[in-house]
N, C-alpha and C. Protein backbone atom coordinates (compact mmCIF):
# COMPACT_ATOMS: atom_id res chain seq x y z
N MET A 1 3.97 -0.20 18.24
CA MET A 1 4.16 0.42 17.13
C MET A 1 5.62 0.25 16.47
N PRO A 2 5.61 -0.28 15.23
CA PRO A 2 7.17 -0.46 14.48
C PRO A 2 8.06 0.63 14.95
N ASP A 3 7.78 1.78 14.80
CA ASP A 3 8.43 2.86 15.19
C ASP A 3 8.65 3.55 16.67
N ASP A 4 9.70 3.25 17.27
CA ASP A 4 9.88 3.68 18.80
C ASP A 4 9.37 5.09 18.81
N GLU A 5 10.45 5.70 18.13
CA GLU A 5 9.84 7.47 18.51
C GLU A 5 8.32 7.55 18.59
N LYS A 6 8.05 7.10 17.77
CA LYS A 6 6.14 7.42 17.59
C LYS A 6 5.56 6.82 18.42
N GLN A 7 6.13 5.73 18.79
CA GLN A 7 5.43 4.68 19.96
C GLN A 7 5.13 5.58 21.41
N ALA A 8 6.14 5.97 21.69
CA ALA A 8 6.72 7.16 22.81
C ALA A 8 6.05 8.40 22.58
N ALA A 9 5.61 8.89 21.39
CA ALA A 9 4.92 10.09 21.63
C ALA A 9 3.29 9.54 21.76
N ALA A 10 2.96 8.66 20.97
CA ALA A 10 1.50 8.29 21.60
C ALA A 10 1.00 7.84 22.52
N MET A 11 2.60 7.32 23.39
CA MET A 11 2.09 7.09 24.89
C MET A 11 2.04 8.27 25.67
N ARG A 12 2.78 9.34 25.36
CA ARG A 12 2.56 10.90 26.11
C ARG A 12 1.36 11.52 25.76
N ARG A 13 0.69 11.04 24.45
CA ARG A 13 -0.18 12.08 23.89
C ARG A 13 -1.90 10.93 25.09
N ILE A 14 -1.57 9.85 25.26
CA ILE A 14 -2.69 9.06 25.35
C ILE A 14 -2.83 9.29 27.19
N ASP A 15 -1.33 9.48 27.78
CA ASP A 15 -1.47 9.92 29.24
C ASP A 15 -2.01 11.25 29.34
N GLU A 16 -1.68 12.18 28.75
CA GLU A 16 -2.01 13.85 28.90
C GLU A 16 -4.00 13.21 28.27
N LEU A 17 -3.84 13.13 27.52
CA LEU A 17 -5.71 12.51 27.75
C LEU A 17 -6.44 12.16 28.79
N LYS A 18 -6.04 11.07 28.98
CA LYS A 18 -6.09 10.29 30.15
C LYS A 18 -6.22 11.37 31.66
N ALA A 19 -5.11 11.97 31.80
CA ALA A 19 -5.12 13.07 32.99
C ALA A 19 -6.42 14.27 32.52
N ALA A 20 -6.51 14.34 31.55
CA ALA A 20 -8.11 15.40 31.47
C ALA A 20 -9.40 14.57 31.29
N GLY A 21 -9.28 13.50 31.45
CA GLY A 21 -9.95 12.77 31.41
C GLY A 21 -11.13 12.44 30.18
N ASP A 22 -10.36 12.74 29.02
CA ASP A 22 -10.38 12.71 27.54
C ASP A 22 -10.31 11.18 27.23
N THR A 23 -10.53 11.20 25.92
CA THR A 23 -9.99 9.60 24.78
C THR A 23 -9.53 10.24 23.67
N ALA A 24 -9.05 8.86 23.25
CA ALA A 24 -8.32 8.97 21.79
C ALA A 24 -8.64 8.62 20.52
N GLY A 25 -8.44 8.54 19.60
CA GLY A 25 -9.07 7.59 17.99
C GLY A 25 -7.58 7.34 17.87
N GLY A 26 -7.62 7.11 16.75
CA GLY A 26 -5.98 6.66 15.74
C GLY A 26 -6.43 6.39 14.22
N ILE A 27 -5.51 5.94 13.72
CA ILE A 27 -5.25 5.27 12.53
C ILE A 27 -4.75 4.04 12.46
N LEU A 28 -4.95 3.28 12.27
CA LEU A 28 -4.54 1.56 11.94
C LEU A 28 -4.24 1.88 10.80
N GLU A 29 -3.25 1.17 10.33
CA GLU A 29 -2.71 0.38 8.82
C GLU A 29 -2.86 -0.98 9.04
N ILE A 30 -3.56 -1.92 8.00
CA ILE A 30 -3.57 -3.13 7.86
C ILE A 30 -2.16 -3.56 6.48
N ARG A 31 -1.57 -4.55 6.21
CA ARG A 31 -1.03 -4.67 4.74
C ARG A 31 -0.80 -6.18 4.76
N VAL A 32 -1.38 -6.51 3.32
CA VAL A 32 -1.28 -7.70 2.95
C VAL A 32 -0.64 -7.86 2.06
N LYS A 33 0.23 -9.25 2.38
CA LYS A 33 1.34 -9.47 1.38
C LYS A 33 0.98 -10.75 0.87
N GLY A 34 1.40 -10.86 -0.82
CA GLY A 34 1.22 -12.54 -1.21
C GLY A 34 -0.13 -12.67 -1.54
N LEU A 35 -1.16 -11.72 -1.98
CA LEU A 35 -2.19 -11.63 -2.82
C LEU A 35 -1.96 -11.60 -4.22
N LYS A 36 -2.03 -12.83 -5.08
CA LYS A 36 -1.89 -12.41 -6.54
C LYS A 36 -3.01 -11.79 -7.28
N SER A 37 -2.29 -11.20 -8.34
CA SER A 37 -3.34 -10.32 -9.22
C SER A 37 -4.65 -11.01 -9.61
N GLY A 38 -5.92 -10.33 -9.64
CA GLY A 38 -6.73 -10.57 -10.53
C GLY A 38 -7.99 -10.93 -9.65
N PHE A 39 -7.54 -10.97 -8.31
CA PHE A 39 -8.93 -10.78 -7.39
C PHE A 39 -9.78 -9.56 -7.59
N GLY A 40 -10.68 -9.70 -7.43
CA GLY A 40 -12.08 -8.41 -7.38
C GLY A 40 -12.40 -8.46 -9.04
N SER A 41 -13.12 -7.73 -9.00
CA SER A 41 -13.36 -7.10 -10.57
C SER A 41 -13.92 -5.44 -10.53
N CYS A 42 -12.99 -5.43 -11.86
CA CYS A 42 -13.35 -4.17 -12.73
C CYS A 42 -14.88 -3.54 -13.37
N MET A 43 -15.65 -4.61 -13.40
CA MET A 43 -17.33 -4.98 -13.70
C MET A 43 -18.40 -3.84 -13.15
N THR A 44 -18.33 -4.67 -12.00
CA THR A 44 -19.37 -3.97 -11.25
C THR A 44 -18.90 -3.75 -10.08
N TYR A 45 -19.51 -2.82 -9.17
CA TYR A 45 -19.00 -1.60 -8.42
C TYR A 45 -19.04 -2.89 -6.65
N GLY A 46 -20.17 -3.53 -7.07
CA GLY A 46 -20.30 -4.76 -5.70
C GLY A 46 -18.74 -5.81 -5.99
N GLU A 47 -18.70 -5.89 -6.87
CA GLU A 47 -17.50 -7.28 -6.85
C GLU A 47 -16.19 -6.79 -6.93
N LYS A 48 -15.59 -5.08 -6.60
CA LYS A 48 -14.66 -4.90 -6.45
C LYS A 48 -13.99 -5.13 -5.06
N LEU A 49 -12.49 -5.12 -5.66
CA LEU A 49 -11.87 -5.64 -4.11
C LEU A 49 -11.31 -4.48 -3.65
N ASP A 50 -11.16 -3.29 -3.63
CA ASP A 50 -11.25 -2.17 -2.64
C ASP A 50 -12.53 -1.82 -2.29
N GLY A 51 -13.90 -2.09 -3.04
CA GLY A 51 -14.78 -1.90 -2.01
C GLY A 51 -15.19 -2.96 -1.01
N ARG A 52 -15.37 -3.81 -1.37
CA ARG A 52 -15.40 -5.29 -0.24
C ARG A 52 -14.43 -4.98 1.35
N LEU A 53 -13.30 -4.51 0.74
CA LEU A 53 -11.97 -4.36 2.20
C LEU A 53 -12.54 -3.00 2.73
N VAL A 54 -12.71 -1.84 2.38
CA VAL A 54 -13.29 -0.73 2.87
C VAL A 54 -14.77 -0.85 3.32
N GLY A 55 -15.39 -1.67 2.66
CA GLY A 55 -16.61 -2.30 3.50
C GLY A 55 -16.57 -2.61 4.70
N ALA A 56 -15.64 -3.53 4.32
CA ALA A 56 -15.33 -4.67 5.72
C ALA A 56 -14.65 -3.98 6.78
N MET A 57 -14.09 -2.68 6.75
CA MET A 57 -13.48 -1.75 7.37
C MET A 57 -14.30 -1.13 8.23
N LEU A 58 -15.25 -0.40 7.61
CA LEU A 58 -15.87 0.41 8.03
C LEU A 58 -17.31 -0.42 8.66
N SER A 59 -17.32 -1.40 8.80
CA SER A 59 -18.50 -2.14 9.33
C SER A 59 -17.74 -2.19 10.93
N VAL A 60 -16.84 -2.02 11.07
CA VAL A 60 -16.38 -2.24 12.91
C VAL A 60 -16.93 -0.70 13.05
N GLN A 61 -17.54 -1.60 14.45
CA GLN A 61 -18.29 0.07 15.23
C GLN A 61 -16.76 0.96 15.73
N ALA A 62 -16.95 2.55 15.38
CA ALA A 62 -16.02 3.43 15.82
C ALA A 62 -14.94 3.69 14.71
N VAL A 63 -15.25 2.52 13.47
CA VAL A 63 -14.36 3.14 12.17
C VAL A 63 -14.96 4.14 11.45
N LYS A 64 -14.58 5.36 10.84
CA LYS A 64 -14.98 6.09 10.71
C LYS A 64 -14.59 6.39 9.22
N GLY A 65 -13.68 6.09 9.00
CA GLY A 65 -12.84 6.47 7.63
C GLY A 65 -12.07 5.61 7.15
N ALA A 66 -11.72 5.39 6.19
CA ALA A 66 -11.01 3.69 5.28
C ALA A 66 -10.42 4.31 4.32
N GLU A 67 -9.24 4.01 3.79
CA GLU A 67 -8.71 4.13 2.92
C GLU A 67 -7.45 2.84 2.18
N VAL A 68 -7.38 3.21 0.31
CA VAL A 68 -6.44 2.24 0.00
C VAL A 68 -5.20 2.99 -0.18
N GLY A 69 -4.68 2.52 -0.13
CA GLY A 69 -3.03 3.06 -0.72
C GLY A 69 -2.53 4.34 -0.12
N MET A 70 -2.78 5.28 -1.37
CA MET A 70 -2.50 6.58 -0.64
C MET A 70 -3.67 7.28 -0.43
N GLY A 71 -4.86 6.77 -0.64
CA GLY A 71 -5.80 7.18 -0.16
C GLY A 71 -6.31 8.80 -0.32
N PHE A 72 -6.83 9.11 0.33
CA PHE A 72 -7.44 10.56 0.26
C PHE A 72 -6.07 11.25 -0.22
N GLY A 73 -4.79 11.36 0.28
CA GLY A 73 -3.99 11.88 -0.65
C GLY A 73 -3.84 11.81 -2.13
N VAL A 74 -4.61 11.01 -3.02
CA VAL A 74 -4.56 11.18 -4.59
C VAL A 74 -5.57 12.42 -4.72
N GLY A 75 -6.55 13.09 -4.15
CA GLY A 75 -7.02 14.18 -4.44
C GLY A 75 -6.16 15.23 -4.47
N LEU A 76 -5.03 15.49 -3.66
CA LEU A 76 -4.27 16.21 -3.41
C LEU A 76 -2.84 16.28 -4.50
N ARG A 77 -2.78 15.49 -5.20
CA ARG A 77 -1.51 15.36 -5.80
C ARG A 77 -2.33 14.92 -7.55
N PRO A 78 -1.09 15.41 -8.11
CA PRO A 78 -1.05 15.33 -9.96
C PRO A 78 -1.00 14.25 -10.11
N GLY A 79 -1.64 13.57 -11.31
CA GLY A 79 -1.72 12.14 -11.86
C GLY A 79 -0.01 11.81 -11.82
N SER A 80 0.68 12.62 -12.30
CA SER A 80 2.16 12.03 -12.06
C SER A 80 2.86 11.72 -10.86
N LYS A 81 2.26 12.33 -9.58
CA LYS A 81 2.66 11.80 -8.87
C LYS A 81 1.46 10.72 -8.17
N VAL A 82 0.79 10.11 -8.42
CA VAL A 82 -0.09 9.32 -8.02
C VAL A 82 0.00 7.91 -8.89
N HIS A 83 -0.14 7.80 -9.90
CA HIS A 83 0.03 6.66 -10.25
C HIS A 83 1.17 5.87 -10.53
N ASP A 84 1.34 4.36 -10.77
CA ASP A 84 1.89 3.93 -9.97
C ASP A 84 2.75 3.46 -11.60
N ALA A 85 3.94 3.47 -12.09
CA ALA A 85 4.55 3.40 -14.00
C ALA A 85 4.83 1.95 -13.37
N ILE A 86 4.63 1.24 -14.60
CA ILE A 86 5.40 0.18 -14.91
C ILE A 86 6.64 0.23 -16.11
N TYR A 87 7.75 -0.89 -15.16
CA TYR A 87 9.02 -1.00 -16.06
C TYR A 87 9.23 -2.29 -16.60
N PHE A 88 10.00 -2.50 -17.10
CA PHE A 88 10.73 -4.16 -17.19
C PHE A 88 11.91 -4.27 -16.63
N GLU A 89 12.21 -5.11 -15.93
CA GLU A 89 13.45 -5.02 -15.40
C GLU A 89 13.96 -6.45 -14.97
N ASP A 90 15.22 -6.81 -15.49
CA ASP A 90 15.63 -8.46 -15.25
C ASP A 90 14.42 -9.59 -15.82
N GLY A 91 13.75 -9.22 -17.00
CA GLY A 91 12.92 -10.30 -17.31
C GLY A 91 11.64 -10.23 -17.04
N LYS A 92 11.00 -8.95 -16.15
CA LYS A 92 9.86 -9.48 -15.78
C LYS A 92 9.39 -7.84 -15.14
N PHE A 93 7.75 -7.98 -15.26
CA PHE A 93 7.23 -6.33 -15.25
C PHE A 93 7.42 -6.02 -13.27
N VAL A 94 7.84 -4.67 -13.30
CA VAL A 94 7.96 -3.98 -11.79
C VAL A 94 7.19 -2.81 -12.00
N ARG A 95 7.32 -1.86 -10.69
CA ARG A 95 6.33 -0.84 -10.30
C ARG A 95 7.63 -0.38 -9.27
N LYS A 96 7.97 0.64 -9.26
CA LYS A 96 8.88 1.21 -8.17
C LYS A 96 7.86 1.76 -6.95
N THR A 97 6.72 2.25 -7.33
CA THR A 97 5.75 2.66 -6.37
C THR A 97 4.90 1.78 -6.23
N ASN A 98 3.65 1.77 -5.25
CA ASN A 98 2.53 1.20 -4.53
C ASN A 98 1.68 2.16 -3.98
N ASN A 99 1.49 3.13 -4.58
CA ASN A 99 0.30 4.47 -4.66
C ASN A 99 -0.95 3.57 -4.50
N ALA A 100 -1.29 3.37 -5.62
CA ALA A 100 -2.78 2.37 -5.35
C ALA A 100 -2.81 1.41 -4.19
N GLY A 101 -1.63 0.99 -3.26
CA GLY A 101 -2.15 0.26 -2.51
C GLY A 101 -2.48 -1.34 -2.82
N GLY A 102 -1.78 -2.02 -4.26
CA GLY A 102 -2.24 -3.11 -4.57
C GLY A 102 -3.16 -3.57 -5.07
N ILE A 103 -4.19 -2.17 -5.39
CA ILE A 103 -5.36 -2.62 -5.76
C ILE A 103 -5.95 -1.26 -7.25
N GLU A 104 -5.90 -1.89 -8.44
CA GLU A 104 -6.08 -0.99 -9.32
C GLU A 104 -7.34 -1.28 -10.48
N GLY A 105 -8.43 -0.82 -10.15
CA GLY A 105 -9.47 -0.82 -11.33
C GLY A 105 -10.40 -2.40 -10.56
N GLY A 106 -10.64 -2.20 -9.50
CA GLY A 106 -11.49 -3.06 -8.06
C GLY A 106 -10.82 -4.10 -8.32
N MET A 107 -9.46 -4.97 -8.71
CA MET A 107 -8.66 -6.05 -8.59
C MET A 107 -7.56 -5.34 -8.00
N SER A 108 -6.95 -6.83 -7.40
CA SER A 108 -5.80 -6.78 -6.71
C SER A 108 -4.90 -7.10 -7.96
N ASN A 109 -3.64 -6.40 -7.56
CA ASN A 109 -2.62 -6.31 -8.84
C ASN A 109 -1.13 -7.07 -8.39
N GLY A 110 -1.50 -7.81 -7.74
CA GLY A 110 -0.23 -8.83 -7.03
C GLY A 110 1.00 -7.87 -6.29
N GLU A 111 0.74 -6.26 -6.00
CA GLU A 111 1.62 -5.61 -5.03
C GLU A 111 1.08 -5.84 -3.48
N GLU A 112 1.93 -5.25 -2.30
CA GLU A 112 1.14 -5.45 -0.98
C GLU A 112 -0.21 -4.47 -1.00
N ILE A 113 -1.11 -5.53 -0.28
CA ILE A 113 -2.24 -4.36 -0.31
C ILE A 113 -2.21 -3.39 0.79
N VAL A 114 -2.49 -2.10 0.81
CA VAL A 114 -2.45 -1.34 1.70
C VAL A 114 -3.43 -0.65 2.23
N LEU A 115 -3.93 -0.87 3.32
CA LEU A 115 -5.39 -0.21 3.83
C LEU A 115 -5.03 0.71 5.34
N ARG A 116 -6.00 1.42 5.45
CA ARG A 116 -5.65 2.42 6.78
C ARG A 116 -7.07 2.59 6.77
N ALA A 117 -7.51 2.58 8.68
CA ALA A 117 -8.94 2.46 9.16
C ALA A 117 -8.57 4.14 10.12
N ALA A 118 -9.55 4.75 10.22
CA ALA A 118 -9.46 5.49 10.87
C ALA A 118 -10.51 5.48 12.45
N MET A 119 -10.38 5.32 13.23
CA MET A 119 -10.75 4.84 14.42
C MET A 119 -11.17 6.46 15.49
N LYS A 120 -12.87 6.21 15.39
CA LYS A 120 -13.32 7.71 16.67
C LYS A 120 -12.75 7.23 17.59
N PRO A 121 -12.71 8.37 18.68
CA PRO A 121 -12.22 8.45 19.69
C PRO A 121 -13.21 7.88 20.87
N ILE A 122 -12.99 7.15 21.80
CA ILE A 122 -14.41 6.23 22.62
C ILE A 122 -15.19 7.34 23.17
N PRO A 123 -16.31 7.01 22.89
CA PRO A 123 -17.21 8.09 23.40
C PRO A 123 -17.57 8.18 25.25
N THR A 124 -17.33 7.42 25.83
CA THR A 124 -17.43 7.27 27.33
C THR A 124 -16.08 8.21 27.78
N LEU A 125 -16.94 9.40 28.44
CA LEU A 125 -15.42 10.27 28.74
C LEU A 125 -15.81 9.71 30.40
N MET A 126 -14.48 10.20 31.26
CA MET A 126 -14.67 10.10 32.48
C MET A 126 -14.86 11.49 33.16
N ARG A 127 -15.32 11.99 32.59
CA ARG A 127 -15.87 13.86 32.48
C ARG A 127 -17.10 13.96 32.25
N GLY A 128 -17.45 13.22 31.39
CA GLY A 128 -18.77 12.93 30.76
C GLY A 128 -18.85 13.97 29.60
N LEU A 129 -20.19 13.79 28.98
CA LEU A 129 -20.33 14.84 28.44
C LEU A 129 -21.16 15.84 28.14
N ASN A 130 -21.44 17.02 27.23
CA ASN A 130 -22.80 17.72 27.57
C ASN A 130 -23.88 16.98 26.93
N THR A 131 -25.09 17.07 27.78
CA THR A 131 -26.21 16.35 26.95
C THR A 131 -27.00 16.75 27.52
N VAL A 132 -28.60 16.07 27.40
CA VAL A 132 -30.00 16.91 27.68
C VAL A 132 -30.91 16.32 28.55
N ASN A 133 -30.93 16.05 29.86
CA ASN A 133 -32.17 15.76 30.67
C ASN A 133 -33.33 15.30 29.56
N PHE A 134 -33.37 14.11 29.35
CA PHE A 134 -34.52 13.46 28.78
C PHE A 134 -35.96 14.01 29.45
N ASP A 135 -36.00 13.78 30.48
CA ASP A 135 -37.38 14.12 31.04
C ASP A 135 -37.79 15.96 31.14
N THR A 136 -36.25 16.28 31.45
CA THR A 136 -36.92 17.81 31.50
C THR A 136 -36.10 18.74 30.22
N GLY A 137 -35.64 18.37 29.31
CA GLY A 137 -35.21 19.36 28.32
C GLY A 137 -34.06 20.11 28.72
N GLU A 138 -33.65 20.21 29.87
CA GLU A 138 -32.66 20.80 30.58
C GLU A 138 -31.09 20.72 29.92
N ALA A 139 -30.12 21.44 29.52
CA ALA A 139 -28.74 20.82 29.81
C ALA A 139 -28.12 20.32 31.04
N CYS A 140 -27.46 19.29 30.56
CA CYS A 140 -27.04 18.67 31.93
C CYS A 140 -25.97 17.60 31.43
N ARG A 141 -25.25 17.20 32.28
CA ARG A 141 -23.64 16.47 31.88
C ARG A 141 -23.59 15.11 32.29
N ALA A 142 -23.74 14.38 31.36
CA ALA A 142 -23.61 12.76 31.08
C ALA A 142 -22.73 12.00 32.44
N ALA A 143 -23.37 11.28 33.16
CA ALA A 143 -22.52 10.61 34.02
C ALA A 143 -21.43 9.97 33.58
N THR A 144 -20.60 10.07 34.90
CA THR A 144 -19.32 9.69 34.39
C THR A 144 -18.87 8.26 34.02
N GLU A 145 -18.29 7.80 33.21
CA GLU A 145 -18.20 6.43 33.19
C GLU A 145 -16.74 5.58 33.02
N ARG A 146 -17.26 4.38 33.64
CA ARG A 146 -15.72 3.75 33.18
C ARG A 146 -15.41 4.00 31.47
N SER A 147 -14.06 4.25 31.17
CA SER A 147 -13.36 4.44 29.86
C SER A 147 -12.07 4.14 29.66
N ASP A 148 -11.95 3.25 28.73
CA ASP A 148 -10.37 3.06 28.25
C ASP A 148 -10.19 4.64 27.54
N VAL A 149 -8.93 4.64 27.58
CA VAL A 149 -8.46 6.06 27.02
C VAL A 149 -8.41 6.15 25.48
N CYS A 150 -8.09 4.87 24.90
CA CYS A 150 -7.69 4.62 23.54
C CYS A 150 -7.60 3.29 23.27
N ALA A 151 -8.40 2.68 22.55
CA ALA A 151 -8.37 1.15 21.91
C ALA A 151 -8.12 0.71 20.35
N VAL A 152 -7.29 2.02 19.87
CA VAL A 152 -6.75 1.49 18.60
C VAL A 152 -6.30 0.21 18.39
N CYS A 153 -5.45 -0.43 19.65
CA CYS A 153 -5.05 -1.81 19.39
C CYS A 153 -6.13 -2.54 19.22
N ALA A 154 -7.04 -2.74 20.11
CA ALA A 154 -7.93 -3.60 19.99
C ALA A 154 -8.76 -3.60 18.51
N CYS A 155 -8.91 -2.50 18.13
CA CYS A 155 -9.70 -2.01 17.05
C CYS A 155 -9.02 -2.72 15.97
N GLU A 156 -7.55 -2.74 16.23
CA GLU A 156 -6.97 -3.33 14.60
C GLU A 156 -7.16 -4.53 14.35
N ILE A 157 -7.35 -5.13 15.81
CA ILE A 157 -7.17 -6.77 15.81
C ILE A 157 -8.69 -6.77 14.68
N ILE A 158 -9.92 -6.23 15.04
CA ILE A 158 -10.89 -6.73 14.51
C ILE A 158 -10.80 -6.52 13.15
N VAL A 159 -10.16 -4.64 13.10
CA VAL A 159 -10.82 -5.08 11.84
C VAL A 159 -9.17 -5.90 10.43
N GLU A 160 -8.42 -6.29 11.42
CA GLU A 160 -7.50 -6.90 10.73
C GLU A 160 -8.56 -8.28 10.20
N SER A 161 -9.04 -8.85 11.43
CA SER A 161 -10.18 -10.12 10.94
C SER A 161 -11.11 -9.78 10.22
N THR A 162 -11.59 -8.70 10.15
CA THR A 162 -12.98 -8.31 8.66
C THR A 162 -12.27 -8.35 7.70
N VAL A 163 -11.06 -7.72 7.25
CA VAL A 163 -10.27 -7.53 6.40
C VAL A 163 -9.90 -9.00 5.63
N CYS A 164 -9.33 -10.03 6.71
CA CYS A 164 -9.37 -11.51 6.22
C CYS A 164 -10.56 -12.11 6.02
N PHE A 165 -12.11 -12.38 6.86
CA PHE A 165 -12.91 -12.74 5.79
C PHE A 165 -13.32 -12.09 5.06
N ALA A 166 -13.32 -11.00 4.71
CA ALA A 166 -13.52 -10.32 2.99
C ALA A 166 -12.79 -11.03 1.96
N LEU A 167 -11.46 -11.02 2.66
CA LEU A 167 -10.38 -11.71 1.30
C LEU A 167 -10.58 -13.64 1.34
N ALA A 168 -10.88 -14.05 2.42
CA ALA A 168 -11.12 -15.38 1.81
C ALA A 168 -12.33 -15.20 1.04
N GLN A 169 -13.35 -14.72 1.49
CA GLN A 169 -14.92 -14.71 0.28
C GLN A 169 -14.30 -14.41 -1.39
N LYS A 170 -13.26 -13.52 -1.56
CA LYS A 170 -12.97 -13.11 -2.63
C LYS A 170 -11.99 -14.39 -3.12
N VAL A 171 -11.52 -14.87 -2.32
CA VAL A 171 -10.54 -16.17 -3.07
C VAL A 171 -11.69 -16.95 -3.31
N GLN A 172 -12.43 -17.60 -2.47
CA GLN A 172 -13.56 -18.69 -2.45
C GLN A 172 -14.37 -18.34 -3.69
N GLU A 173 -14.67 -17.11 -4.08
CA GLU A 173 -15.62 -16.62 -5.20
C GLU A 173 -14.40 -16.85 -6.19
N ARG A 174 -13.41 -16.30 -6.43
CA ARG A 174 -12.69 -16.95 -7.87
C ARG A 174 -12.25 -18.39 -8.16
N LEU A 175 -11.87 -18.79 -6.66
CA LEU A 175 -11.44 -20.48 -6.97
C LEU A 175 -12.12 -21.77 -6.70
N GLY A 176 -13.31 -21.35 -5.90
CA GLY A 176 -13.95 -22.32 -5.51
C GLY A 176 -13.35 -23.32 -4.58
N GLY A 177 -14.02 -24.30 -4.46
CA GLY A 177 -13.15 -25.29 -4.02
C GLY A 177 -14.12 -25.87 -2.46
N ASP A 178 -14.15 -27.30 -2.22
CA ASP A 178 -14.79 -27.48 -1.19
C ASP A 178 -13.71 -27.79 0.10
N ASN A 179 -12.48 -27.63 0.16
CA ASN A 179 -11.69 -27.44 1.27
C ASN A 179 -10.37 -26.86 0.89
N MET A 180 -9.52 -26.98 1.93
CA MET A 180 -7.94 -25.78 1.63
C MET A 180 -7.19 -26.50 0.60
N ALA A 181 -7.43 -28.07 0.96
CA ALA A 181 -6.40 -28.44 -0.32
C ALA A 181 -6.40 -28.09 -2.11
N GLU A 182 -7.89 -28.34 -1.82
CA GLU A 182 -8.29 -27.69 -3.85
C GLU A 182 -8.19 -26.41 -3.63
N ILE A 183 -8.05 -25.81 -2.70
CA ILE A 183 -7.93 -23.92 -2.62
C ILE A 183 -6.36 -23.35 -3.19
N LYS A 184 -5.68 -24.43 -1.97
CA LYS A 184 -4.06 -24.37 -2.66
C LYS A 184 -3.54 -24.61 -3.57
N ALA A 185 -4.35 -25.62 -4.58
CA ALA A 185 -3.68 -26.27 -5.45
C ALA A 185 -4.35 -25.60 -6.49
N ARG A 186 -5.65 -24.97 -6.44
CA ARG A 186 -6.32 -23.67 -7.44
C ARG A 186 -5.04 -22.97 -7.24
N TYR A 187 -5.29 -22.21 -6.29
CA TYR A 187 -4.03 -20.96 -6.16
C TYR A 187 -2.76 -20.90 -6.86
N ALA A 188 -2.28 -21.77 -6.72
CA ALA A 188 -0.66 -22.46 -6.91
C ALA A 188 -0.70 -22.38 -8.65
N LEU A 189 -1.86 -22.52 -9.05
CA LEU A 189 -1.97 -22.28 -10.55
C LEU A 189 -1.64 -21.12 -11.20
N LEU A 190 -2.14 -20.39 -10.49
CA LEU A 190 -1.98 -18.57 -10.91
C LEU A 190 -1.06 -18.51 -11.16
N PRO A 191 -1.00 -17.24 -12.09
CA PRO A 191 0.63 -16.83 -12.85
C PRO A 191 0.85 -15.96 -11.71
C-alpha cells in the first residue's frame, strides 16, 4: 500500500482474522493516467466509458461493488461539492478537483480516471460456515477448507487487467487501425 500506516493496520487486521479462522475483503483502487478526452459516448448507455469500465470490474469474481471518482459519495453531497468546476489559467482550461473520476457524460474528460472495486471476503473459512446437510436437511457446519485470509492484492491485478482490456477496446473502437503504429499515430493527432 502507498501509505505505510494503513498497510500496517491492514496487516494487523488480516492477522486478527486469520487467528479467528475468518477472511477479509477490501477495496482496491485503479488509476489511469494519460487517456485523452472523448473516449466513450454520451449517446448510448452501452457505449459509455464508465459503464464499460465498471462492467469490466464487476465481471471479476468476488467483486461486488464498483465506483468511478467520488462514486457513492456523490449521493451524500450537494452539487456544489460534487461537480468539477472549470477554470481558465495560464492559457488553458483546468479543473482543481476530479470528483467525476475523469469521466463525464460517459466520456473521458482528460483527467486521471479513478476507479474503485469492493472485493468480498473469501468464502472458504478455516472454521467453516453454517450450512445444511443435503441428504437430511439438518443444520451442520461446512468442512474446514484451506483458505487464504485476504486476496485483495491478487484481485487488484485481475481488475487492472480487465480495465486495461476495456480501455483498449474503447481506443480501438474510436481510432481503428491494424497495428500499434497506426493507433499511436492517430492518438497523437488528438487534442
